[in-house]
Protein backbone atom coordinates (compact mmCIF):
# COMPACT_ATOMS: atom_id res chain seq x y z
CA MET A 1 19.58 -3.82 15.37
CA ALA A 2 21.03 -2.50 12.08
CA THR A 3 23.50 -5.40 11.94
CA LEU A 4 22.94 -7.68 8.97
CA THR A 5 21.28 -10.86 10.29
CA PRO A 6 21.22 -14.11 8.25
CA VAL A 7 17.76 -15.72 8.28
CA ALA A 8 17.02 -19.38 7.62
CA VAL A 9 14.78 -18.59 4.66
CA THR A 10 15.14 -19.26 0.94
CA LEU A 11 12.80 -17.28 -1.27
CA PRO A 12 11.15 -18.90 -4.32
CA LYS A 13 12.74 -18.31 -7.74
CA ASP A 14 10.34 -15.45 -8.47
CA LYS A 15 11.39 -13.82 -5.16
CA VAL A 16 7.77 -13.56 -3.99
CA PRO A 17 7.86 -14.74 -0.35
CA THR A 18 5.49 -17.39 0.95
CA LYS A 19 3.56 -16.77 4.15
CA LYS A 20 5.96 -19.10 5.96
CA ASN A 21 8.94 -17.14 4.59
CA VAL A 22 7.38 -13.95 5.91
CA ARG A 23 6.61 -15.44 9.33
CA ASP A 24 10.14 -16.79 9.72
CA ILE A 25 11.78 -13.48 8.72
CA ILE A 26 9.68 -11.47 11.15
CA GLY A 27 10.09 -14.08 13.90
CA THR A 28 13.87 -13.63 13.73
CA PHE A 29 13.47 -10.11 15.15
CA LEU A 30 10.15 -10.18 17.01
CA THR A 31 10.72 -13.28 19.05
CA GLU A 32 7.93 -13.43 21.61
CA GLU A 33 4.89 -14.38 19.56
CA TRP A 34 5.66 -14.17 15.85
CA PRO A 35 7.69 -17.45 15.63
CA SER A 36 4.65 -19.50 16.70
CA VAL A 37 2.07 -17.79 14.48
CA ASP A 38 0.31 -20.10 11.99
CA PRO A 39 1.48 -18.74 8.59
CA GLU A 40 -1.92 -19.40 7.05
CA THR A 41 -3.52 -16.91 9.40
CA LEU A 42 -1.33 -14.06 8.13
CA THR A 43 -2.57 -11.31 5.84
CA VAL A 44 0.19 -10.50 3.37
CA SER A 45 0.09 -8.01 0.49
CA TYR A 46 3.15 -8.12 -1.79
CA HIS A 47 4.04 -5.23 -4.11
CA ALA A 48 7.03 -5.07 -6.48
CA SER A 49 8.66 -1.98 -8.00
CA PHE A 50 11.66 -1.16 -10.20
CA ALA A 51 14.33 -1.56 -7.52
CA ASN A 52 12.51 -2.90 -4.46
CA ALA A 53 9.53 -4.88 -3.27
CA HIS A 54 7.58 -4.59 -0.06
CA CYS A 55 4.74 -6.15 1.85
CA PRO A 56 2.69 -5.21 4.89
CA VAL A 57 2.05 -8.24 7.10
CA GLU A 58 -0.62 -8.61 9.77
CA ARG A 59 -1.30 -11.43 12.23
CA PRO A 60 -4.55 -12.05 14.09
CA LYS A 61 -5.01 -10.55 17.50
CA PRO A 62 -4.61 -13.19 20.25
CA ALA A 63 -7.90 -14.57 21.54
CA THR A 64 -6.92 -13.65 25.10
CA GLY A 65 -4.50 -11.25 26.72
CA THR A 66 -2.58 -8.26 25.37
CA PRO A 67 -0.20 -8.87 22.47
CA THR A 68 3.50 -8.67 23.34
CA ASP A 69 4.75 -8.30 19.78
CA THR A 70 3.20 -5.80 17.40
CA LEU A 71 0.44 -7.22 15.21
CA LYS A 72 1.43 -5.54 11.95
CA VAL A 73 4.84 -4.90 10.35
CA PHE A 74 6.30 -3.81 7.05
CA ILE A 75 8.95 -5.79 5.14
CA LYS A 76 11.06 -4.20 2.43
CA PHE A 77 12.92 -6.49 0.03
CA HIS A 78 15.79 -5.17 -2.06
CA THR A 79 15.20 -6.90 -5.36
CA ASP A 80 17.76 -4.91 -7.33
CA ALA A 81 20.97 -3.02 -6.56
CA GLY A 82 19.79 0.26 -7.98
CA GLY A 83 18.40 -0.55 -11.42
CA SER A 84 20.05 1.30 -14.28
CA LEU A 85 21.18 4.32 -12.28
CA GLU A 86 24.81 3.37 -12.64
CA ILE A 87 26.18 6.90 -12.36
CA PHE A 88 24.91 7.23 -8.77
CA LYS A 89 26.23 3.91 -7.45
CA PRO A 90 29.51 5.36 -6.13
CA LEU A 91 27.56 8.07 -4.28
CA ALA A 92 24.31 6.45 -3.16
CA PRO A 93 24.29 4.37 0.03
CA THR A 94 24.75 0.62 -0.19
CA ARG A 95 21.82 -1.49 0.96
CA HIS A 96 23.44 -1.90 4.36
CA GLU A 97 24.14 1.82 4.63
CA GLU A 98 20.57 2.60 3.62
CA ALA A 99 19.27 0.23 6.31
CA LEU A 100 21.55 1.86 8.88
CA PHE A 101 20.37 5.31 7.78
CA SER A 102 16.74 4.21 8.12
CA TYR A 103 17.51 2.82 11.57
CA GLU A 104 19.09 6.10 12.65
CA TYR A 105 16.21 8.10 11.16
CA GLY A 106 13.70 5.90 12.98
CA ARG A 107 15.48 6.38 16.30
CA THR A 108 14.90 10.13 16.09
CA GLY A 109 11.14 9.53 16.22
CA LEU A 110 10.74 11.07 12.77
CA GLY A 111 10.34 7.80 10.87
CA ALA A 112 9.42 4.15 11.19
CA LYS A 113 11.30 2.06 13.75
CA VAL A 114 13.55 -0.56 12.14
CA TYR A 115 13.36 -3.96 13.86
CA GLY A 116 16.10 -5.63 11.85
CA PHE A 117 18.09 -5.91 8.61
CA PHE A 118 18.30 -9.41 7.07
CA GLU A 119 19.81 -11.54 4.33
CA THR A 120 18.04 -14.68 3.16
CA GLN A 121 19.92 -17.83 2.16
CA ASP A 122 19.39 -16.98 -1.51
CA GLY A 123 21.12 -13.63 -0.95
CA THR A 124 18.10 -11.31 -0.83
CA LEU A 125 18.54 -8.32 1.46
CA GLY A 126 15.74 -6.55 3.27
CA ARG A 127 14.53 -5.09 6.52
CA VAL A 128 11.59 -5.39 8.90
CA GLU A 129 10.09 -2.10 10.02
CA GLU A 130 7.31 -0.68 12.10
CA PHE A 131 4.08 -0.45 10.12
CA LEU A 132 2.97 3.16 9.85
CA ASP A 133 -0.72 3.88 10.17
CA ALA A 134 -0.53 6.27 7.25
CA ARG A 135 -1.30 6.77 3.59
CA ASN A 136 0.70 8.07 0.67
CA MET A 137 0.49 11.83 0.30
CA GLU A 138 -1.65 13.10 -2.57
CA PRO A 139 -0.76 16.28 -4.50
CA GLU A 140 -3.83 18.03 -3.13
CA ASP A 141 -2.67 17.46 0.46
CA VAL A 142 -0.11 20.26 0.34
CA GLU A 143 -2.90 22.74 -0.30
CA ASN A 144 -3.57 22.20 3.41
CA SER A 145 -1.30 24.69 5.20
CA VAL A 146 -0.74 22.39 8.20
CA ILE A 147 0.42 19.45 6.09
CA ARG A 148 2.49 21.77 3.89
CA ALA A 149 4.25 23.19 6.95
CA ASP A 150 4.93 19.70 8.32
CA VAL A 151 6.54 18.62 5.04
CA ALA A 152 8.74 21.74 5.15
CA LYS A 153 9.80 21.09 8.73
CA GLY A 154 10.30 17.40 7.98
CA LEU A 155 12.68 18.16 5.12
CA ALA A 156 14.64 20.64 7.24
CA ARG A 157 15.07 18.05 9.98
CA PHE A 158 16.11 15.44 7.43
CA HIS A 159 18.66 17.70 5.76
CA VAL A 160 20.55 18.32 9.03
CA LEU A 161 20.23 14.75 10.35
CA GLU A 162 23.23 13.40 12.25
CA THR A 163 24.10 10.10 10.60
CA SER A 164 26.97 7.66 10.24
CA LEU A 165 26.87 7.91 6.42
CA GLU A 166 30.04 9.23 4.83
CA LYS A 167 29.64 12.82 3.65
CA LYS A 168 30.75 12.82 0.05
CA THR A 169 31.16 16.23 -1.52
CA VAL A 170 28.30 17.92 -3.32
CA GLU A 171 30.63 18.50 -6.26
CA SER A 172 31.02 14.74 -6.69
CA TYR A 173 27.31 14.48 -7.47
CA TYR A 174 27.56 16.94 -10.36
CA GLU A 175 30.78 15.40 -11.64
CA ALA A 176 28.99 12.03 -11.75
CA VAL A 177 26.00 13.49 -13.59
CA ILE A 178 28.03 15.37 -16.18
CA ASN A 179 30.47 12.50 -16.80
CA GLY A 180 27.72 9.89 -16.75
CA LEU A 181 25.68 11.73 -19.35
CA GLY A 182 28.63 12.37 -21.61
CA GLY A 183 29.14 15.96 -20.52
CA LEU A 184 25.76 17.14 -21.78
CA PRO A 185 25.61 20.95 -21.68
CA GLN A 186 22.26 21.00 -19.89
CA ASP A 187 23.66 19.65 -16.63
CA GLY A 188 26.85 21.68 -16.53
CA GLN A 189 24.76 24.67 -17.53
CA VAL A 190 22.54 24.46 -14.49
CA GLU A 191 25.37 23.83 -12.07
CA GLY A 192 27.57 26.48 -13.67
CA THR A 193 24.83 29.06 -13.43
CA TRP A 194 24.16 28.07 -9.83
CA GLY A 195 27.81 28.65 -9.06
CA LYS A 196 27.62 32.15 -10.55
CA ARG A 197 24.42 33.11 -8.76
CA ARG A 198 24.44 31.33 -5.40
CA ARG A 199 25.62 28.04 -4.06
CA GLY A 200 22.98 27.59 -1.40
CA LYS A 201 23.28 25.44 1.69
CA THR A 202 23.74 21.69 1.67
CA GLY A 203 22.54 18.68 3.62
CA TRP A 204 21.36 15.08 3.36
CA CYS A 205 18.97 15.16 0.40
CA ILE A 206 16.47 12.42 -0.44
CA HIS A 207 16.48 13.30 -4.16
CA ASP A 208 13.48 11.05 -4.86
CA VAL A 209 10.87 13.37 -3.34
CA GLN A 210 7.85 12.20 -5.34
CA PHE A 211 4.73 12.25 -3.20
CA MET A 212 4.57 8.45 -2.79
CA ASN A 213 7.65 8.86 -0.57
CA VAL A 214 5.83 11.06 1.93
CA MET A 215 3.36 9.39 4.28
CA VAL A 216 0.47 11.25 5.88
CA LYS A 217 -0.43 9.79 9.26
CA ASN A 218 -4.05 8.77 9.70
CA ASP A 219 -4.16 9.67 13.38
CA ALA A 220 -1.23 11.91 14.29
CA LYS A 221 -0.91 12.70 17.98
CA LYS A 222 -1.16 16.26 19.25
CA LEU A 223 1.99 18.28 18.44
CA GLU A 224 3.27 15.36 16.32
CA SER A 225 4.13 15.86 12.66
CA LYS A 226 1.39 14.72 10.34
CA VAL A 227 3.94 13.38 7.85
CA THR A 228 6.96 11.12 7.72
CA LEU A 229 9.48 10.49 4.94
CA ILE A 230 10.34 7.09 3.45
CA ASP A 231 12.64 5.48 0.84
CA PHE A 232 16.26 6.55 1.11
CA GLU A 233 17.95 4.73 -1.80
CA PHE A 234 19.35 7.99 -3.17
CA VAL A 235 20.29 9.84 0.02
CA MET A 236 23.39 11.91 -0.69
CA GLN A 237 24.82 15.29 0.15
CA ASN A 238 23.43 17.98 -2.14
CA TYR A 239 21.99 21.47 -2.13
CA ARG A 240 18.97 21.49 0.16
CA ALA A 241 17.14 23.33 -2.63
CA PHE A 242 17.22 20.13 -4.69
CA ASP A 243 14.62 18.54 -2.40
CA ILE A 244 12.65 21.73 -1.85
CA GLY A 245 12.37 22.60 -5.52
CA GLY A 246 11.77 18.95 -6.30
CA HIS A 247 8.87 18.87 -3.84
CA PHE A 248 7.29 21.85 -5.57
CA MET A 249 7.72 20.20 -8.97
CA GLN A 250 6.36 16.83 -7.89
CA LYS A 251 2.94 18.29 -7.04
CA MET A 252 2.22 18.05 -10.76
CA PHE A 253 2.79 14.29 -11.03
CA LYS A 254 1.29 10.98 -9.89
CA TRP A 255 3.83 8.48 -11.21
CA PHE A 256 1.92 5.36 -10.19
CA ASP A 257 -1.52 6.41 -11.38
CA GLU A 258 -2.98 4.00 -13.93
CA GLU A 259 -4.84 6.67 -15.90
CA ASN A 260 -2.55 9.70 -16.01
CA ARG A 261 0.92 10.48 -14.70
CA ILE A 262 0.11 14.20 -14.56
CA ALA A 263 -1.88 15.27 -11.49
CA SER A 264 -5.21 16.93 -12.13
CA CYS A 265 -4.73 19.57 -9.41
CA ARG A 266 -3.16 22.99 -9.84
CA LYS A 267 0.54 23.73 -9.44
CA TYR A 268 2.09 25.09 -6.24
CA THR A 269 1.29 28.81 -6.05
CA GLU A 270 4.05 31.29 -5.21
CA GLU A 271 2.23 32.12 -1.98
CA GLU A 272 2.29 28.45 -0.98
CA LYS A 273 5.95 28.12 -1.93
CA ARG A 274 6.85 31.11 0.21
CA HIS A 275 4.86 29.76 3.16
CA PHE A 276 6.73 26.45 2.77
CA CYS A 277 10.10 28.24 2.63
CA ASP A 278 9.27 30.36 5.70
CA GLU A 279 8.43 27.22 7.69
CA TYR A 280 11.54 25.48 6.39
CA ALA A 281 13.81 28.41 7.34
CA ARG A 282 12.38 28.59 10.86
CA GLN A 283 12.99 24.89 11.42
CA TRP A 284 16.46 25.00 9.85
CA ASN A 285 17.45 27.96 12.04
CA LYS A 286 16.09 26.25 15.14
CA LEU A 287 18.25 23.19 14.47
CA THR A 288 21.41 24.92 13.25
CA GLY A 289 21.48 28.35 14.86
CA ASP A 290 21.56 29.98 11.41
CA THR A 291 19.56 33.08 10.52
CA ASP A 292 18.25 32.10 7.08
CA THR A 293 15.20 33.85 5.73
CA GLY A 294 12.26 32.35 3.88
CA ASP A 295 13.12 34.50 0.87
CA GLN A 296 16.66 33.11 0.86
CA VAL A 297 15.31 29.53 0.82
CA PHE A 298 12.78 30.44 -1.87
CA GLN A 299 15.45 31.88 -4.15
CA GLU A 300 17.54 28.73 -3.72
CA SER A 301 14.50 26.57 -4.49
CA GLU A 302 14.00 28.27 -7.85
CA TYR A 303 17.29 26.74 -9.00
CA GLY A 304 16.71 23.50 -7.11
CA TYR A 305 13.57 23.08 -9.23
CA LEU A 306 15.77 22.70 -12.30
CA LEU A 307 18.19 20.32 -10.61
CA ALA A 308 15.35 18.05 -9.50
CA ILE A 309 13.85 17.96 -12.99
CA THR A 310 17.16 16.82 -14.53
CA PHE A 311 17.33 14.04 -11.91
CA ASP A 312 13.83 12.83 -12.78
CA ILE A 313 14.40 13.01 -16.54
CA HIS A 314 17.57 10.96 -16.19
CA ASN A 315 15.87 8.36 -13.98
CA MET A 316 12.86 8.05 -16.27
CA LEU A 317 15.04 7.59 -19.34
CA CYS A 318 17.09 4.91 -17.55
CA PHE A 319 13.95 3.11 -16.40
CA MET A 320 12.23 3.26 -19.79
CA ASP A 321 15.35 2.08 -21.59
CA ALA A 322 15.96 -0.83 -19.19
CA GLN A 323 12.33 -1.95 -19.31
CA GLY A 324 11.79 -1.28 -23.01
CA ASP A 325 8.95 0.91 -21.79
CA LYS A 326 6.82 2.73 -24.36
CA ASP A 327 3.87 3.52 -22.13
CA PRO A 328 2.26 6.66 -23.61
CA LEU A 329 1.46 7.87 -20.08
CA ASN A 330 5.14 7.79 -19.16
CA LEU A 331 6.01 9.59 -22.40
CA LEU A 332 3.49 12.31 -21.57
CA GLY A 333 5.01 12.62 -18.09
CA LEU A 334 8.50 12.85 -19.59
CA ASN A 335 7.37 15.57 -21.99
CA LYS A 336 5.78 17.46 -19.11
CA LEU A 337 9.08 17.36 -17.20
CA PHE A 338 10.91 18.72 -20.22
CA ASP A 339 8.35 21.50 -20.68
CA GLU A 340 8.76 22.46 -17.02
CA PHE A 341 12.53 22.56 -17.40
CA VAL A 342 12.31 24.86 -20.43
CA ALA A 343 9.78 27.14 -18.71
CA GLN A 344 11.80 27.44 -15.50
CA TYR A 345 15.03 27.91 -17.43
CA SER A 346 13.44 30.78 -19.31
CA LYS A 347 11.90 32.24 -16.14
CA LEU A 348 15.34 32.49 -14.54
CA ASN A 349 16.83 34.11 -17.66
CA LEU A 350 19.53 31.50 -17.99
CA GLN A 351 19.77 31.47 -21.80
CA LEU A 352 22.15 34.44 -21.91
CA GLU A 353 24.37 33.00 -19.20
CA TYR A 354 24.76 29.69 -21.06
CA ARG A 355 26.60 31.40 -23.92
CA ASP A 356 29.17 32.62 -21.41
CA LEU A 357 29.96 29.18 -19.93
């Protein structure tokens, strides 16, 4: 099902699909009932972002009998090949690789099932997925110990996922960052210090761990995780602490809020971080046979926090430059990221080590 399938659809010039476009795309993969649905009866909600667009689609329930095909699906359109993040293109998955990764992730039961990967006649790529009865996670959600533990276990499972993606070296990520940013001291400084202190363990990292990319299920079954992870455009090998520290940092931000990019709730407490790291270590050990401790994961995450901030600063600067963006809310968010970097850098006493690099 992860094979690229041509569909007999041409999107309008603005790339916003018509209801007939949507029906025909879905009907290519769900062939029992969707092909005969009247497009005008569909409920479609289209949303565009920097690099992708998506729309949930719902058809009416049949007047009689039990539906054969699912009533609601999710379509993701790839409207851009990665925006301005040129330095990561050699490392990040291609659109086809990302679709295959999503398919493999869905088959584990951890994520949404992928029904098919398509290319329209105008060259637009996308995929049709299971619609998740879930909402985007809010920063306050991780103050709930059950949800916090499920995010920790979900990241551990993700990091050790068996996948067909090529494992490129962790070092290649940092070479790309340093070369791509002109050898700025900040980036080599963090990685150099990490090398002196501790390397940490590696795995498949999402990198973009902002809370919009974690879904909280509305009606999770008993013993089922309450969360699932989405959006894998930047999946690469990296230190697992990158995602863990990044998750802690992202509790302070709501990047798509119209009034303030900085969340109004409190930061992650150390007690909550240690609970998260304990749950993560238990899950990691269960899957790998290792004997990691929560304290070990916590210490790694303190450095991962810095790595994740540099990733977000770089991405924001690329986005704002490409879009000519001068939104004061984004500028405030960028300043907050920088302040967090300086505070964490000082907390870890890295200033003295920089002079030795």
